[in-house]
Amino acid sequence: MQTDAPFWHSLVFEGIDDVDVEAVKAAFGTFEVVARGRAAGSACPDCGRLSDRVHDRYQRRIKDLPLAGQGFVIRLTFRRFICGAADCPRRTFAEPFSRLAAPHARFTTRLNHALERVGLALAGRAGARLAAQLGFGAGRMTCYAGSWPCLIHGSARRVCWAWTTSRSVAARPTPPS
């Protein structure tokens, strides 16, 4: 297994420049990439002031698409910064990696998009079986959750299978205006 950082950075974090790969581990059919943020500081989401004072660090395990039939997990170290502005209501904030995963997410955006497609096509137990065959390892409720953006976002109503095949007139939504 190739463990040099540039190879894994180009494979996993393509187009994401704010991440450094520290180590790669392979055990029990799962690849685990240990990574951390590269930026010296981050801007406060409320006031926009740049801060480089680190308050704390924590790690999150984020699942990604399978690699060569093996599970793939990114163990990413997040830093919490202290906002130095006296008038800012936020005292600390986490380092954002929005191109990799949404805040508080357990899946990468790539895996989330794949689960959305499975959820729209099958949902429920059938979606969970397909996800297991594809190596995602998602449960039936996760596959249901993959179809929820279709129900929430009005622009996606036209492509949602559930909206277009409903037999009951009462269950059909009013068309978007």
N, C-alpha and C. Protein backbone atom coordinates (compact mmCIF):
# COMPACT_ATOMS: atom_id res chain seq x y z
N MET A 1 0.84 -1.18 0.00
CA MET A 1 0.00 0.00 0.00
C MET A 1 0.88 1.24 0.00
N GLN A 2 0.53 2.19 -0.82
CA GLN A 2 1.30 3.42 -0.91
C GLN A 2 0.86 4.36 0.20
N THR A 3 1.81 4.82 1.01
CA THR A 3 1.45 5.65 2.16
C THR A 3 1.99 7.07 2.07
N ASP A 4 2.50 7.48 0.93
CA ASP A 4 3.02 8.85 0.84
C ASP A 4 1.86 9.84 0.73
N ALA A 5 2.01 10.96 1.40
CA ALA A 5 0.95 11.95 1.53
C ALA A 5 0.50 12.56 0.20
N PRO A 6 1.40 12.90 -0.73
CA PRO A 6 0.92 13.51 -1.99
C PRO A 6 -0.03 12.60 -2.78
N PHE A 7 0.23 11.30 -2.77
CA PHE A 7 -0.65 10.37 -3.48
C PHE A 7 -2.05 10.39 -2.87
N TRP A 8 -2.14 10.28 -1.55
CA TRP A 8 -3.44 10.25 -0.89
C TRP A 8 -4.12 11.60 -0.93
N HIS A 9 -3.35 12.68 -0.89
CA HIS A 9 -3.95 14.00 -0.98
C HIS A 9 -4.60 14.19 -2.34
N SER A 10 -3.93 13.75 -3.41
CA SER A 10 -4.51 13.90 -4.74
C SER A 10 -5.69 12.96 -4.96
N LEU A 11 -5.70 11.82 -4.28
CA LEU A 11 -6.79 10.86 -4.44
C LEU A 11 -8.03 11.26 -3.66
N VAL A 12 -7.85 11.66 -2.43
CA VAL A 12 -8.98 11.92 -1.54
C VAL A 12 -9.40 13.38 -1.54
N PHE A 13 -8.45 14.28 -1.49
CA PHE A 13 -8.74 15.70 -1.30
C PHE A 13 -8.49 16.50 -2.57
N GLU A 14 -8.86 15.98 -3.71
CA GLU A 14 -8.70 16.67 -4.98
C GLU A 14 -9.51 17.96 -4.98
N GLY A 15 -8.86 19.09 -5.18
CA GLY A 15 -9.52 20.38 -5.20
C GLY A 15 -9.72 21.00 -3.83
N ILE A 16 -9.30 20.32 -2.77
CA ILE A 16 -9.41 20.85 -1.41
C ILE A 16 -7.99 21.12 -0.93
N ASP A 17 -7.60 22.38 -0.90
CA ASP A 17 -6.21 22.73 -0.60
C ASP A 17 -5.94 22.93 0.88
N ASP A 18 -6.97 22.95 1.71
CA ASP A 18 -6.79 23.29 3.12
C ASP A 18 -6.53 22.09 4.02
N VAL A 19 -6.18 20.93 3.46
CA VAL A 19 -6.04 19.71 4.25
C VAL A 19 -4.67 19.09 4.01
N ASP A 20 -4.03 18.67 5.10
CA ASP A 20 -2.77 17.93 5.04
C ASP A 20 -3.01 16.50 5.48
N VAL A 21 -2.50 15.54 4.73
CA VAL A 21 -2.60 14.13 5.10
C VAL A 21 -1.43 13.80 6.01
N GLU A 22 -1.73 13.27 7.21
CA GLU A 22 -0.69 12.92 8.17
C GLU A 22 -0.32 11.45 8.11
N ALA A 23 -1.32 10.58 7.97
CA ALA A 23 -1.04 9.14 7.97
C ALA A 23 -2.17 8.41 7.25
N VAL A 24 -1.86 7.19 6.83
CA VAL A 24 -2.85 6.32 6.20
C VAL A 24 -2.74 4.96 6.89
N LYS A 25 -3.87 4.44 7.32
CA LYS A 25 -3.90 3.14 7.99
C LYS A 25 -4.87 2.24 7.25
N ALA A 26 -4.53 0.97 7.17
CA ALA A 26 -5.42 -0.03 6.58
C ALA A 26 -5.56 -1.18 7.56
N ALA A 27 -6.79 -1.42 8.00
CA ALA A 27 -7.04 -2.50 8.94
C ALA A 27 -8.49 -2.96 8.82
N PHE A 28 -8.71 -4.25 8.88
CA PHE A 28 -10.05 -4.85 8.90
C PHE A 28 -10.90 -4.40 7.72
N GLY A 29 -10.32 -4.33 6.54
CA GLY A 29 -11.09 -3.99 5.34
C GLY A 29 -11.47 -2.53 5.23
N THR A 30 -10.78 -1.66 5.96
CA THR A 30 -11.09 -0.23 5.92
C THR A 30 -9.80 0.58 5.82
N PHE A 31 -9.81 1.53 4.90
CA PHE A 31 -8.73 2.50 4.83
C PHE A 31 -9.10 3.69 5.71
N GLU A 32 -8.14 4.19 6.46
CA GLU A 32 -8.38 5.37 7.29
C GLU A 32 -7.28 6.38 7.00
N VAL A 33 -7.69 7.56 6.56
CA VAL A 33 -6.76 8.64 6.29
C VAL A 33 -6.86 9.63 7.45
N VAL A 34 -5.73 9.90 8.09
CA VAL A 34 -5.68 10.86 9.19
C VAL A 34 -5.22 12.18 8.59
N ALA A 35 -6.02 13.23 8.79
CA ALA A 35 -5.73 14.52 8.17
C ALA A 35 -6.03 15.65 9.15
N ARG A 36 -5.51 16.83 8.82
CA ARG A 36 -5.74 18.02 9.64
C ARG A 36 -5.76 19.23 8.71
N GLY A 37 -6.23 20.34 9.24
CA GLY A 37 -6.29 21.58 8.48
C GLY A 37 -4.91 22.18 8.29
N ARG A 38 -4.72 22.83 7.17
CA ARG A 38 -3.43 23.41 6.82
C ARG A 38 -3.38 24.91 7.09
N ALA A 39 -4.52 25.58 7.06
CA ALA A 39 -4.56 27.04 7.18
C ALA A 39 -4.08 27.50 8.55
N ALA A 40 -3.44 28.66 8.59
CA ALA A 40 -2.94 29.21 9.85
C ALA A 40 -4.08 29.71 10.73
N GLY A 41 -5.14 30.16 10.13
CA GLY A 41 -6.28 30.68 10.88
C GLY A 41 -7.55 30.53 10.08
N SER A 42 -8.63 31.08 10.62
CA SER A 42 -9.92 31.00 9.96
C SER A 42 -10.74 32.23 10.30
N ALA A 43 -11.69 32.56 9.43
CA ALA A 43 -12.54 33.73 9.65
C ALA A 43 -13.77 33.34 10.45
N CYS A 44 -14.14 34.20 11.37
CA CYS A 44 -15.34 33.98 12.19
C CYS A 44 -16.57 34.02 11.28
N PRO A 45 -17.48 33.06 11.40
CA PRO A 45 -18.66 33.07 10.53
C PRO A 45 -19.63 34.21 10.83
N ASP A 46 -19.57 34.80 12.03
CA ASP A 46 -20.49 35.89 12.38
C ASP A 46 -19.95 37.25 11.99
N CYS A 47 -18.74 37.58 12.44
CA CYS A 47 -18.21 38.92 12.19
C CYS A 47 -17.20 38.97 11.04
N GLY A 48 -16.66 37.83 10.63
CA GLY A 48 -15.72 37.78 9.51
C GLY A 48 -14.28 38.09 9.88
N ARG A 49 -14.00 38.31 11.15
CA ARG A 49 -12.64 38.64 11.58
C ARG A 49 -11.78 37.38 11.57
N LEU A 50 -10.55 37.53 11.04
CA LEU A 50 -9.63 36.40 10.97
C LEU A 50 -9.03 36.13 12.35
N SER A 51 -9.00 34.86 12.74
CA SER A 51 -8.45 34.47 14.03
C SER A 51 -7.44 33.35 13.84
N ASP A 52 -6.34 33.42 14.58
CA ASP A 52 -5.36 32.34 14.56
C ASP A 52 -5.12 31.77 15.96
N ARG A 53 -5.94 32.20 16.93
CA ARG A 53 -5.84 31.69 18.30
C ARG A 53 -6.65 30.41 18.43
N VAL A 54 -5.98 29.30 18.69
CA VAL A 54 -6.64 28.00 18.77
C VAL A 54 -7.14 27.78 20.19
N HIS A 55 -8.42 27.48 20.31
CA HIS A 55 -9.04 27.21 21.62
C HIS A 55 -8.95 25.72 21.95
N ASP A 56 -9.21 24.87 20.97
CA ASP A 56 -9.28 23.43 21.22
C ASP A 56 -9.17 22.70 19.88
N ARG A 57 -8.99 21.39 19.97
CA ARG A 57 -8.99 20.52 18.80
C ARG A 57 -9.88 19.33 19.08
N TYR A 58 -10.52 18.82 18.04
CA TYR A 58 -11.29 17.59 18.18
C TYR A 58 -11.25 16.84 16.86
N GLN A 59 -11.53 15.54 16.92
CA GLN A 59 -11.48 14.72 15.73
C GLN A 59 -12.88 14.24 15.36
N ARG A 60 -13.10 14.15 14.06
CA ARG A 60 -14.34 13.57 13.53
C ARG A 60 -13.98 12.49 12.54
N ARG A 61 -14.78 11.43 12.56
CA ARG A 61 -14.64 10.35 11.58
C ARG A 61 -15.71 10.55 10.52
N ILE A 62 -15.27 10.75 9.28
CA ILE A 62 -16.18 11.04 8.18
C ILE A 62 -16.05 9.92 7.16
N LYS A 63 -17.17 9.24 6.88
CA LYS A 63 -17.15 8.16 5.88
C LYS A 63 -17.13 8.76 4.48
N ASP A 64 -16.40 8.09 3.59
CA ASP A 64 -16.32 8.51 2.20
C ASP A 64 -16.68 7.33 1.31
N LEU A 65 -16.73 7.57 0.01
CA LEU A 65 -17.00 6.49 -0.94
C LEU A 65 -15.97 5.38 -0.80
N PRO A 66 -16.36 4.13 -1.02
CA PRO A 66 -15.40 3.02 -0.90
C PRO A 66 -14.28 3.14 -1.93
N LEU A 67 -13.14 2.57 -1.56
CA LEU A 67 -11.97 2.58 -2.43
C LEU A 67 -11.54 1.14 -2.66
N ALA A 68 -11.58 0.69 -3.90
CA ALA A 68 -11.19 -0.67 -4.26
C ALA A 68 -11.94 -1.71 -3.44
N GLY A 69 -13.23 -1.48 -3.23
CA GLY A 69 -14.06 -2.43 -2.50
C GLY A 69 -13.88 -2.41 -1.00
N GLN A 70 -13.08 -1.49 -0.50
CA GLN A 70 -12.84 -1.38 0.94
C GLN A 70 -13.52 -0.12 1.47
N GLY A 71 -13.91 -0.17 2.73
CA GLY A 71 -14.47 1.02 3.37
C GLY A 71 -13.42 2.11 3.46
N PHE A 72 -13.87 3.34 3.51
CA PHE A 72 -12.93 4.46 3.52
C PHE A 72 -13.40 5.49 4.52
N VAL A 73 -12.55 5.83 5.47
CA VAL A 73 -12.89 6.77 6.54
C VAL A 73 -11.81 7.84 6.60
N ILE A 74 -12.23 9.08 6.77
CA ILE A 74 -11.31 10.19 6.97
C ILE A 74 -11.41 10.61 8.43
N ARG A 75 -10.32 10.53 9.15
CA ARG A 75 -10.29 11.01 10.53
C ARG A 75 -9.66 12.40 10.49
N LEU A 76 -10.51 13.39 10.58
CA LEU A 76 -10.11 14.78 10.36
C LEU A 76 -10.05 15.52 11.69
N THR A 77 -8.94 16.19 11.95
CA THR A 77 -8.78 16.99 13.16
C THR A 77 -9.25 18.41 12.88
N PHE A 78 -10.27 18.82 13.62
CA PHE A 78 -10.81 20.17 13.52
C PHE A 78 -10.24 21.02 14.63
N ARG A 79 -10.01 22.29 14.34
CA ARG A 79 -9.59 23.23 15.37
C ARG A 79 -10.72 24.19 15.67
N ARG A 80 -10.88 24.53 16.93
CA ARG A 80 -11.81 25.57 17.35
C ARG A 80 -11.00 26.81 17.62
N PHE A 81 -11.38 27.90 16.97
CA PHE A 81 -10.67 29.16 17.11
C PHE A 81 -11.43 30.09 18.04
N ILE A 82 -10.72 31.03 18.64
CA ILE A 82 -11.31 32.05 19.50
C ILE A 82 -11.47 33.31 18.67
N CYS A 83 -12.70 33.84 18.66
CA CYS A 83 -12.94 35.10 17.97
C CYS A 83 -12.50 36.24 18.89
N GLY A 84 -11.65 37.10 18.39
CA GLY A 84 -11.09 38.17 19.21
C GLY A 84 -11.90 39.45 19.22
N ALA A 85 -12.96 39.51 18.44
CA ALA A 85 -13.78 40.73 18.40
C ALA A 85 -14.63 40.83 19.66
N ALA A 86 -14.56 41.97 20.31
CA ALA A 86 -15.30 42.15 21.56
C ALA A 86 -16.81 42.21 21.34
N ASP A 87 -17.24 42.74 20.19
CA ASP A 87 -18.67 42.89 19.93
C ASP A 87 -19.29 41.67 19.22
N CYS A 88 -18.52 40.64 18.98
CA CYS A 88 -19.03 39.45 18.29
C CYS A 88 -19.71 38.53 19.30
N PRO A 89 -20.93 38.05 19.01
CA PRO A 89 -21.63 37.16 19.94
C PRO A 89 -21.03 35.76 20.03
N ARG A 90 -20.25 35.38 19.04
CA ARG A 90 -19.67 34.04 19.01
C ARG A 90 -18.27 34.10 19.63
N ARG A 91 -18.03 33.29 20.63
CA ARG A 91 -16.72 33.26 21.29
C ARG A 91 -15.77 32.30 20.58
N THR A 92 -16.24 31.10 20.25
CA THR A 92 -15.40 30.13 19.54
C THR A 92 -16.15 29.64 18.31
N PHE A 93 -15.39 29.17 17.34
CA PHE A 93 -15.99 28.61 16.12
C PHE A 93 -15.05 27.55 15.56
N ALA A 94 -15.63 26.61 14.87
CA ALA A 94 -14.86 25.49 14.31
C ALA A 94 -14.33 25.84 12.93
N GLU A 95 -13.22 25.24 12.61
CA GLU A 95 -12.59 25.38 11.31
C GLU A 95 -13.51 24.77 10.25
N PRO A 96 -13.88 25.51 9.21
CA PRO A 96 -14.80 24.96 8.22
C PRO A 96 -14.07 24.15 7.14
N PHE A 97 -14.63 23.00 6.81
CA PHE A 97 -14.19 22.21 5.66
C PHE A 97 -15.40 21.94 4.79
N SER A 98 -16.02 23.02 4.30
CA SER A 98 -17.30 22.92 3.61
C SER A 98 -17.22 22.15 2.29
N ARG A 99 -16.06 22.11 1.64
CA ARG A 99 -15.96 21.38 0.38
C ARG A 99 -15.83 19.88 0.61
N LEU A 100 -15.46 19.50 1.83
CA LEU A 100 -15.31 18.08 2.15
C LEU A 100 -16.59 17.52 2.76
N ALA A 101 -17.15 18.19 3.75
CA ALA A 101 -18.36 17.71 4.42
C ALA A 101 -19.09 18.90 5.03
N ALA A 102 -20.39 18.75 5.17
CA ALA A 102 -21.21 19.78 5.80
C ALA A 102 -20.91 19.79 7.31
N PRO A 103 -21.20 20.89 7.99
CA PRO A 103 -21.00 20.91 9.44
C PRO A 103 -21.82 19.81 10.12
N HIS A 104 -21.22 19.12 11.06
CA HIS A 104 -21.82 18.04 11.84
C HIS A 104 -22.13 16.79 11.01
N ALA A 105 -21.71 16.74 9.76
CA ALA A 105 -22.02 15.59 8.91
C ALA A 105 -21.10 14.41 9.23
N ARG A 106 -21.63 13.20 9.04
CA ARG A 106 -20.84 12.00 9.22
C ARG A 106 -20.38 11.41 7.89
N PHE A 107 -20.88 11.98 6.78
CA PHE A 107 -20.51 11.52 5.45
C PHE A 107 -19.93 12.69 4.66
N THR A 108 -19.03 12.38 3.72
CA THR A 108 -18.52 13.42 2.82
C THR A 108 -19.62 13.83 1.85
N THR A 109 -19.42 14.95 1.18
CA THR A 109 -20.42 15.39 0.21
C THR A 109 -20.52 14.40 -0.95
N ARG A 110 -19.41 13.76 -1.31
CA ARG A 110 -19.46 12.75 -2.39
C ARG A 110 -20.34 11.58 -2.00
N LEU A 111 -20.16 11.06 -0.80
CA LEU A 111 -20.98 9.94 -0.34
C LEU A 111 -22.43 10.37 -0.15
N ASN A 112 -22.64 11.59 0.32
CA ASN A 112 -24.00 12.10 0.48
C ASN A 112 -24.73 12.15 -0.85
N HIS A 113 -24.07 12.60 -1.89
CA HIS A 113 -24.71 12.67 -3.22
C HIS A 113 -25.05 11.27 -3.72
N ALA A 114 -24.15 10.31 -3.49
CA ALA A 114 -24.44 8.93 -3.91
C ALA A 114 -25.62 8.36 -3.13
N LEU A 115 -25.70 8.65 -1.83
CA LEU A 115 -26.82 8.17 -1.03
C LEU A 115 -28.13 8.85 -1.42
N GLU A 116 -28.07 10.11 -1.84
CA GLU A 116 -29.27 10.78 -2.34
C GLU A 116 -29.81 10.07 -3.57
N ARG A 117 -28.92 9.69 -4.47
CA ARG A 117 -29.36 8.99 -5.69
C ARG A 117 -29.96 7.63 -5.36
N VAL A 118 -29.34 6.90 -4.43
CA VAL A 118 -29.90 5.61 -4.01
C VAL A 118 -31.24 5.83 -3.33
N GLY A 119 -31.34 6.85 -2.49
CA GLY A 119 -32.59 7.14 -1.80
C GLY A 119 -33.70 7.52 -2.74
N LEU A 120 -33.40 8.28 -3.77
CA LEU A 120 -34.42 8.66 -4.75
C LEU A 120 -34.87 7.46 -5.58
N ALA A 121 -33.94 6.57 -5.89
CA ALA A 121 -34.28 5.42 -6.71
C ALA A 121 -35.04 4.35 -5.93
N LEU A 122 -34.59 4.05 -4.73
CA LEU A 122 -35.17 2.91 -4.02
C LEU A 122 -35.69 3.23 -2.63
N ALA A 123 -34.92 3.99 -1.85
CA ALA A 123 -35.25 4.30 -0.45
C ALA A 123 -35.43 3.03 0.38
N GLY A 124 -35.58 3.18 1.68
CA GLY A 124 -35.89 2.08 2.58
C GLY A 124 -34.95 0.90 2.53
N ARG A 125 -35.52 -0.28 2.73
CA ARG A 125 -34.73 -1.51 2.79
C ARG A 125 -34.05 -1.85 1.47
N ALA A 126 -34.75 -1.61 0.36
CA ALA A 126 -34.15 -1.88 -0.95
C ALA A 126 -32.95 -0.98 -1.18
N GLY A 127 -33.06 0.28 -0.78
CA GLY A 127 -31.93 1.19 -0.89
C GLY A 127 -30.78 0.78 0.00
N ALA A 128 -31.08 0.28 1.19
CA ALA A 128 -30.03 -0.18 2.11
C ALA A 128 -29.31 -1.40 1.53
N ARG A 129 -30.06 -2.30 0.88
CA ARG A 129 -29.41 -3.46 0.25
C ARG A 129 -28.50 -3.03 -0.89
N LEU A 130 -28.96 -2.10 -1.72
CA LEU A 130 -28.12 -1.60 -2.80
C LEU A 130 -26.90 -0.87 -2.26
N ALA A 131 -27.08 -0.07 -1.22
CA ALA A 131 -25.96 0.65 -0.61
C ALA A 131 -24.93 -0.34 -0.06
N ALA A 132 -25.38 -1.44 0.53
CA ALA A 132 -24.46 -2.46 1.04
C ALA A 132 -23.70 -3.12 -0.11
N GLN A 133 -24.36 -3.38 -1.23
CA GLN A 133 -23.69 -3.95 -2.39
C GLN A 133 -22.66 -3.00 -2.98
N LEU A 134 -22.94 -1.72 -2.92
CA LEU A 134 -22.02 -0.71 -3.44
C LEU A 134 -20.90 -0.39 -2.47
N GLY A 135 -21.01 -0.88 -1.23
CA GLY A 135 -19.97 -0.68 -0.23
C GLY A 135 -20.17 0.55 0.64
N PHE A 136 -21.37 1.15 0.60
CA PHE A 136 -21.63 2.33 1.41
C PHE A 136 -21.93 1.98 2.85
N GLY A 137 -22.61 0.86 3.07
CA GLY A 137 -22.94 0.44 4.42
C GLY A 137 -23.92 1.37 5.11
N ALA A 138 -24.94 1.84 4.41
CA ALA A 138 -25.92 2.74 4.99
C ALA A 138 -27.19 1.97 5.33
N GLY A 139 -27.85 2.35 6.39
CA GLY A 139 -29.09 1.71 6.81
C GLY A 139 -30.29 2.25 6.06
N ARG A 140 -31.46 1.67 6.34
CA ARG A 140 -32.66 2.05 5.60
C ARG A 140 -33.09 3.49 5.89
N MET A 141 -32.90 3.95 7.13
CA MET A 141 -33.29 5.32 7.43
C MET A 141 -32.35 6.33 6.78
N THR A 142 -31.09 5.96 6.61
CA THR A 142 -30.16 6.83 5.89
C THR A 142 -30.57 6.93 4.43
N CYS A 143 -31.04 5.83 3.86
CA CYS A 143 -31.50 5.88 2.46
C CYS A 143 -32.78 6.69 2.33
N TYR A 144 -33.65 6.64 3.34
CA TYR A 144 -34.81 7.54 3.33
C TYR A 144 -34.36 8.98 3.40
N ALA A 145 -33.39 9.26 4.27
CA ALA A 145 -32.90 10.62 4.43
C ALA A 145 -32.28 11.13 3.14
N GLY A 146 -31.75 10.23 2.32
CA GLY A 146 -31.20 10.64 1.03
C GLY A 146 -32.24 11.21 0.10
N SER A 147 -33.50 10.82 0.27
CA SER A 147 -34.55 11.35 -0.60
C SER A 147 -35.22 12.59 -0.02
N TRP A 148 -34.93 12.95 1.22
CA TRP A 148 -35.56 14.11 1.84
C TRP A 148 -35.25 15.42 1.15
N PRO A 149 -34.02 15.66 0.65
CA PRO A 149 -33.81 16.95 -0.06
C PRO A 149 -34.78 17.13 -1.22
N CYS A 150 -35.20 16.03 -1.83
CA CYS A 150 -36.17 16.10 -2.91
C CYS A 150 -37.49 16.65 -2.39
N LEU A 151 -37.86 16.29 -1.19
CA LEU A 151 -39.13 16.73 -0.62
C LEU A 151 -39.04 18.15 -0.07
N ILE A 152 -37.85 18.57 0.31
CA ILE A 152 -37.69 19.87 0.94
C ILE A 152 -37.50 20.97 -0.09
N HIS A 153 -36.63 20.76 -1.06
CA HIS A 153 -36.30 21.80 -2.03
C HIS A 153 -37.34 21.80 -3.15
N GLY A 154 -37.98 22.94 -3.35
CA GLY A 154 -39.02 23.04 -4.36
C GLY A 154 -38.53 22.80 -5.77
N SER A 155 -37.28 23.15 -6.05
CA SER A 155 -36.76 22.98 -7.41
C SER A 155 -36.58 21.52 -7.76
N ALA A 156 -36.45 20.65 -6.77
CA ALA A 156 -36.22 19.24 -7.04
C ALA A 156 -37.52 18.46 -7.14
N ARG A 157 -38.67 19.10 -6.94
CA ARG A 157 -39.94 18.39 -6.97
C ARG A 157 -40.18 17.71 -8.31
N ARG A 158 -39.78 18.34 -9.38
CA ARG A 158 -40.07 17.81 -10.71
C ARG A 158 -39.38 16.48 -10.98
N VAL A 159 -38.24 16.23 -10.34
CA VAL A 159 -37.51 15.01 -10.61
C VAL A 159 -37.76 13.93 -9.57
N CYS A 160 -38.52 14.22 -8.55
CA CYS A 160 -38.73 13.27 -7.47
C CYS A 160 -39.78 12.25 -7.87
N TRP A 161 -39.44 11.00 -7.76
CA TRP A 161 -40.33 9.92 -8.14
C TRP A 161 -41.60 9.92 -7.29
N ALA A 162 -41.46 10.20 -5.99
CA ALA A 162 -42.61 10.16 -5.09
C ALA A 162 -43.66 11.20 -5.47
N TRP A 163 -43.23 12.37 -5.92
CA TRP A 163 -44.19 13.41 -6.29
C TRP A 163 -44.88 13.09 -7.61
N THR A 164 -44.19 12.43 -8.52
CA THR A 164 -44.74 12.22 -9.85
C THR A 164 -45.61 10.98 -9.95
N THR A 165 -45.50 10.02 -9.05
CA THR A 165 -46.26 8.79 -9.18
C THR A 165 -47.32 8.62 -8.10
N SER A 166 -47.61 9.66 -7.35
CA SER A 166 -48.61 9.56 -6.30
C SER A 166 -49.98 9.32 -6.93
N ARG A 167 -50.70 8.32 -6.44
CA ARG A 167 -52.01 7.97 -6.99
C ARG A 167 -53.13 8.84 -6.41
N SER A 168 -52.91 9.36 -5.23
CA SER A 168 -53.94 10.14 -4.58
C SER A 168 -53.80 11.61 -4.95
N VAL A 169 -54.91 12.22 -5.34
CA VAL A 169 -54.90 13.63 -5.69
C VAL A 169 -54.62 14.47 -4.45
N ALA A 170 -55.12 14.02 -3.30
CA ALA A 170 -54.90 14.76 -2.06
C ALA A 170 -53.43 14.74 -1.65
N ALA A 171 -52.71 13.69 -2.02
CA ALA A 171 -51.31 13.58 -1.64
C ALA A 171 -50.40 14.38 -2.56
N ARG A 172 -50.91 14.76 -3.73
CA ARG A 172 -50.08 15.52 -4.67
C ARG A 172 -49.95 16.96 -4.20
N PRO A 173 -48.75 17.49 -4.28
CA PRO A 173 -48.56 18.89 -3.87
C PRO A 173 -49.07 19.84 -4.94
N THR A 174 -49.29 21.04 -4.53
CA THR A 174 -49.65 22.05 -5.52
C THR A 174 -48.41 22.38 -6.33
N PRO A 175 -48.54 22.60 -7.62
CA PRO A 175 -47.36 22.88 -8.44
C PRO A 175 -46.69 24.19 -7.99
N PRO A 176 -45.36 24.23 -8.10
CA PRO A 176 -44.65 25.46 -7.72
C PRO A 176 -45.04 26.60 -8.64
N SER A 177 -45.13 27.79 -8.07
CA SER A 177 -45.52 28.95 -8.89
C SER A 177 -44.34 29.72 -9.36
